[in-house]
N, C-alpha and C. Protein backbone atom coordinates (compact mmCIF):
# COMPACT_ATOMS: atom_id res chain seq x y z
N UNK A 1 83.42 71.57 132.70
CA UNK A 1 84.04 72.72 132.81
C UNK A 1 83.21 73.78 132.33
N UNK A 2 83.35 74.95 133.19
CA UNK A 2 82.64 76.12 132.71
C UNK A 2 82.86 76.86 131.67
N UNK A 3 84.24 76.40 131.33
CA UNK A 3 84.68 77.35 130.02
C UNK A 3 84.28 76.70 128.75
N UNK A 4 83.82 75.43 128.64
CA UNK A 4 83.40 74.85 127.52
C UNK A 4 81.94 75.37 127.07
N UNK A 5 81.71 75.52 125.72
CA UNK A 5 80.52 75.93 125.16
C UNK A 5 79.76 74.80 124.19
N UNK A 6 80.35 73.69 124.51
CA UNK A 6 79.96 72.55 123.69
C UNK A 6 78.36 72.42 124.04
N UNK A 7 77.55 72.33 123.13
CA UNK A 7 76.05 71.96 123.14
C UNK A 7 75.11 72.91 123.71
N UNK A 8 75.62 74.16 123.96
CA UNK A 8 74.78 75.23 124.41
C UNK A 8 74.15 75.87 123.40
N UNK A 9 72.81 76.03 123.35
CA UNK A 9 72.15 76.60 122.32
C UNK A 9 70.93 77.45 122.75
N UNK A 10 70.60 78.56 122.11
CA UNK A 10 69.45 79.18 122.64
C UNK A 10 68.61 79.25 121.15
N UNK A 11 67.21 78.92 121.29
CA UNK A 11 66.68 78.83 120.03
C UNK A 11 65.45 79.77 120.35
N UNK A 12 65.13 80.56 119.20
CA UNK A 12 64.02 81.44 119.24
C UNK A 12 62.95 81.18 118.18
N UNK A 13 61.59 81.07 118.90
CA UNK A 13 60.64 80.69 117.90
C UNK A 13 59.90 81.88 117.39
N UNK A 14 60.01 82.02 115.96
CA UNK A 14 59.50 83.21 115.27
C UNK A 14 58.29 82.86 114.51
N UNK A 15 57.36 83.52 114.90
CA UNK A 15 55.99 83.16 114.20
C UNK A 15 56.04 84.18 112.71
N UNK A 16 55.41 83.51 111.87
CA UNK A 16 55.37 84.16 110.65
C UNK A 16 54.31 85.49 110.59
N UNK A 17 54.29 86.41 109.71
CA UNK A 17 53.52 87.59 109.80
C UNK A 17 52.35 87.17 109.21
N UNK A 18 51.32 87.65 109.66
CA UNK A 18 49.92 87.64 108.92
C UNK A 18 49.94 88.34 107.66
N UNK A 19 49.03 88.11 106.84
CA UNK A 19 49.08 88.87 105.41
C UNK A 19 49.22 90.27 105.41
N UNK A 20 48.38 90.84 106.33
CA UNK A 20 48.35 92.22 106.46
C UNK A 20 49.80 92.89 107.03
N UNK A 21 50.28 92.12 107.90
CA UNK A 21 51.63 92.40 108.26
C UNK A 21 52.50 92.58 107.28
N UNK A 22 52.59 91.22 106.44
CA UNK A 22 53.59 91.23 105.36
C UNK A 22 53.34 92.15 104.42
N UNK A 23 52.18 92.52 104.10
CA UNK A 23 51.83 93.51 103.08
C UNK A 23 52.32 95.14 103.61
N UNK A 24 52.12 95.34 104.88
CA UNK A 24 52.48 96.54 105.38
C UNK A 24 54.15 96.56 105.35
N UNK A 25 54.87 95.42 105.61
CA UNK A 25 56.23 95.46 105.48
C UNK A 25 56.54 95.66 104.12
N UNK A 26 55.92 95.17 103.07
CA UNK A 26 56.36 95.46 101.66
C UNK A 26 56.16 97.00 101.34
N UNK A 27 55.07 97.55 101.81
CA UNK A 27 54.82 98.78 101.65
C UNK A 27 55.99 99.91 102.46
N UNK A 28 56.38 99.39 103.43
CA UNK A 28 57.37 100.22 104.44
C UNK A 28 58.87 100.00 103.62
N UNK A 29 58.97 98.97 103.04
CA UNK A 29 60.24 98.94 102.10
C UNK A 29 60.28 99.45 100.82
N UNK A 30 58.96 100.29 100.56
CA UNK A 30 58.82 101.10 99.38
C UNK A 30 58.97 100.16 97.89
N UNK A 31 58.30 98.84 98.31
CA UNK A 31 58.28 98.20 97.25
C UNK A 31 56.79 98.23 96.49
N UNK A 32 56.82 98.62 95.37
CA UNK A 32 55.39 98.57 94.43
C UNK A 32 54.63 97.34 94.64
N UNK A 33 53.73 97.21 95.54
CA UNK A 33 52.93 95.85 95.63
C UNK A 33 51.47 96.26 95.38
N UNK A 34 50.71 95.43 94.87
CA UNK A 34 49.34 95.53 94.81
C UNK A 34 48.90 94.35 95.58
N UNK A 35 47.85 94.56 96.36
CA UNK A 35 47.39 93.59 97.44
C UNK A 35 46.84 92.38 96.86
N UNK A 36 46.02 92.65 95.77
CA UNK A 36 45.48 91.51 95.07
C UNK A 36 46.53 90.55 94.44
N UNK A 37 47.65 91.09 94.05
CA UNK A 37 48.68 90.44 93.49
C UNK A 37 49.55 89.61 94.51
N UNK A 38 49.69 90.48 95.59
CA UNK A 38 50.67 90.02 96.85
C UNK A 38 50.06 88.67 97.31
N UNK A 39 48.80 88.52 97.56
CA UNK A 39 48.15 87.56 98.19
C UNK A 39 48.75 86.42 97.45
N UNK A 40 48.96 86.02 96.23
CA UNK A 40 49.44 84.93 95.77
C UNK A 40 50.89 84.61 96.21
N UNK A 41 51.60 85.71 96.27
CA UNK A 41 53.12 85.56 96.81
C UNK A 41 52.86 85.11 98.19
N UNK A 42 52.19 85.60 98.98
CA UNK A 42 52.05 85.27 100.40
C UNK A 42 51.42 83.77 100.57
N UNK A 43 50.55 83.37 99.65
CA UNK A 43 49.87 81.94 99.71
C UNK A 43 51.17 81.04 99.38
N UNK A 44 52.01 81.43 98.34
CA UNK A 44 52.98 80.50 97.86
C UNK A 44 54.08 80.47 98.86
N UNK A 45 54.58 81.46 99.39
CA UNK A 45 55.74 81.49 100.15
C UNK A 45 55.66 81.77 101.73
N UNK A 46 54.38 82.35 102.12
CA UNK A 46 54.09 82.29 103.56
C UNK A 46 54.67 83.66 104.02
N UNK A 47 54.60 83.74 105.32
CA UNK A 47 55.06 85.05 106.04
C UNK A 47 56.23 85.10 106.89
N UNK A 48 57.14 84.19 106.82
CA UNK A 48 58.39 84.13 107.55
C UNK A 48 59.14 85.34 107.31
N UNK A 49 59.43 86.17 108.41
CA UNK A 49 59.94 87.65 108.30
C UNK A 49 61.36 87.79 107.55
N UNK A 50 62.29 86.65 107.52
CA UNK A 50 63.28 86.70 106.93
C UNK A 50 63.42 86.70 105.36
N UNK A 51 62.27 85.77 104.90
CA UNK A 51 62.26 85.67 103.51
C UNK A 51 62.04 86.90 102.66
N UNK A 52 61.17 87.99 103.22
CA UNK A 52 61.13 89.36 102.61
C UNK A 52 62.52 89.93 102.20
N UNK A 53 63.53 89.71 103.01
CA UNK A 53 64.86 90.26 102.82
C UNK A 53 65.60 89.72 101.47
N UNK A 54 65.11 88.83 101.06
CA UNK A 54 65.79 88.02 99.79
C UNK A 54 65.13 88.73 98.37
N UNK A 55 65.83 88.83 97.53
CA UNK A 55 65.53 89.60 96.14
C UNK A 55 65.23 88.49 95.01
N UNK A 56 65.89 87.23 95.18
CA UNK A 56 65.76 86.35 94.10
C UNK A 56 64.88 85.10 94.68
N UNK A 57 64.24 84.59 93.63
CA UNK A 57 63.36 83.45 94.09
C UNK A 57 64.17 82.27 94.55
N UNK A 58 65.23 82.08 93.99
CA UNK A 58 66.30 80.75 94.58
C UNK A 58 66.60 81.03 96.00
N UNK A 59 66.82 82.20 96.31
CA UNK A 59 67.19 82.53 97.81
C UNK A 59 66.00 82.10 98.55
N UNK A 60 64.89 82.65 98.21
CA UNK A 60 63.65 82.31 98.99
C UNK A 60 63.51 80.84 99.00
N UNK A 61 63.55 80.24 97.97
CA UNK A 61 63.28 78.59 97.84
C UNK A 61 64.39 77.92 98.98
N UNK A 62 65.53 78.45 98.86
CA UNK A 62 66.37 77.90 99.75
C UNK A 62 66.28 78.12 101.20
N UNK A 63 65.95 79.26 101.48
CA UNK A 63 65.48 79.64 102.84
C UNK A 63 64.30 78.81 103.42
N UNK A 64 63.23 78.80 102.47
CA UNK A 64 62.05 77.89 102.92
C UNK A 64 62.40 76.38 103.07
N UNK A 65 63.25 76.16 102.35
CA UNK A 65 63.52 74.67 102.47
C UNK A 65 64.16 74.05 103.69
N UNK A 66 64.89 75.31 104.27
CA UNK A 66 65.74 75.06 105.43
C UNK A 66 64.89 75.57 106.81
N UNK A 67 63.94 76.36 106.65
CA UNK A 67 63.27 77.09 107.72
C UNK A 67 62.81 76.33 108.68
N UNK A 68 62.19 75.23 108.38
CA UNK A 68 61.56 74.14 109.54
C UNK A 68 62.64 72.96 109.69
N UNK A 69 63.73 73.02 109.16
CA UNK A 69 64.63 71.90 109.47
C UNK A 69 65.49 72.12 110.66
N UNK A 70 65.10 71.23 111.61
CA UNK A 70 65.96 71.25 113.06
C UNK A 70 67.10 70.35 113.03
N UNK A 71 67.48 69.93 112.01
CA UNK A 71 68.82 69.10 111.93
C UNK A 71 69.94 70.09 112.44
N UNK A 72 71.17 69.15 113.02
CA UNK A 72 72.14 70.07 113.42
C UNK A 72 72.83 70.89 112.28
N UNK A 73 72.87 70.41 111.17
CA UNK A 73 73.30 71.12 109.92
C UNK A 73 72.78 72.50 109.72
N UNK A 74 71.28 72.55 110.03
CA UNK A 74 70.54 73.69 109.66
C UNK A 74 70.03 74.18 111.12
N UNK A 75 70.68 74.06 112.01
CA UNK A 75 70.02 74.25 113.39
C UNK A 75 69.86 76.10 113.56
N UNK A 76 68.86 76.43 113.85
CA UNK A 76 68.58 77.66 113.89
C UNK A 76 68.71 78.33 115.41
N UNK A 77 70.10 78.16 115.81
CA UNK A 77 70.38 78.53 117.07
C UNK A 77 71.48 79.62 117.26
N UNK A 78 71.59 80.19 118.49
CA UNK A 78 72.61 81.19 118.61
C UNK A 78 73.58 80.53 119.70
N UNK A 79 74.62 80.34 119.54
CA UNK A 79 75.60 79.70 120.60
C UNK A 79 76.04 80.72 121.60
N UNK A 80 75.85 80.40 122.86
CA UNK A 80 76.31 81.37 123.77
C UNK A 80 77.53 80.96 124.46
């Protein structure tokens, strides 16, 4: 039936920010960051865009643990 939405999913592939893009984002958000110190944060956590919206380290850890998980429980898709 055309009215059923079961199993329909649209996935978006999101590429991580480069170091300079991530650094510029931090500056745009008015966060005081020093480039020489921020590089350690970037190496540790990477440049996935959504991770910059978290303020606590445990939130970043949870997000990063699930970011590459394609299981149905953690599927990153929008149902249409």
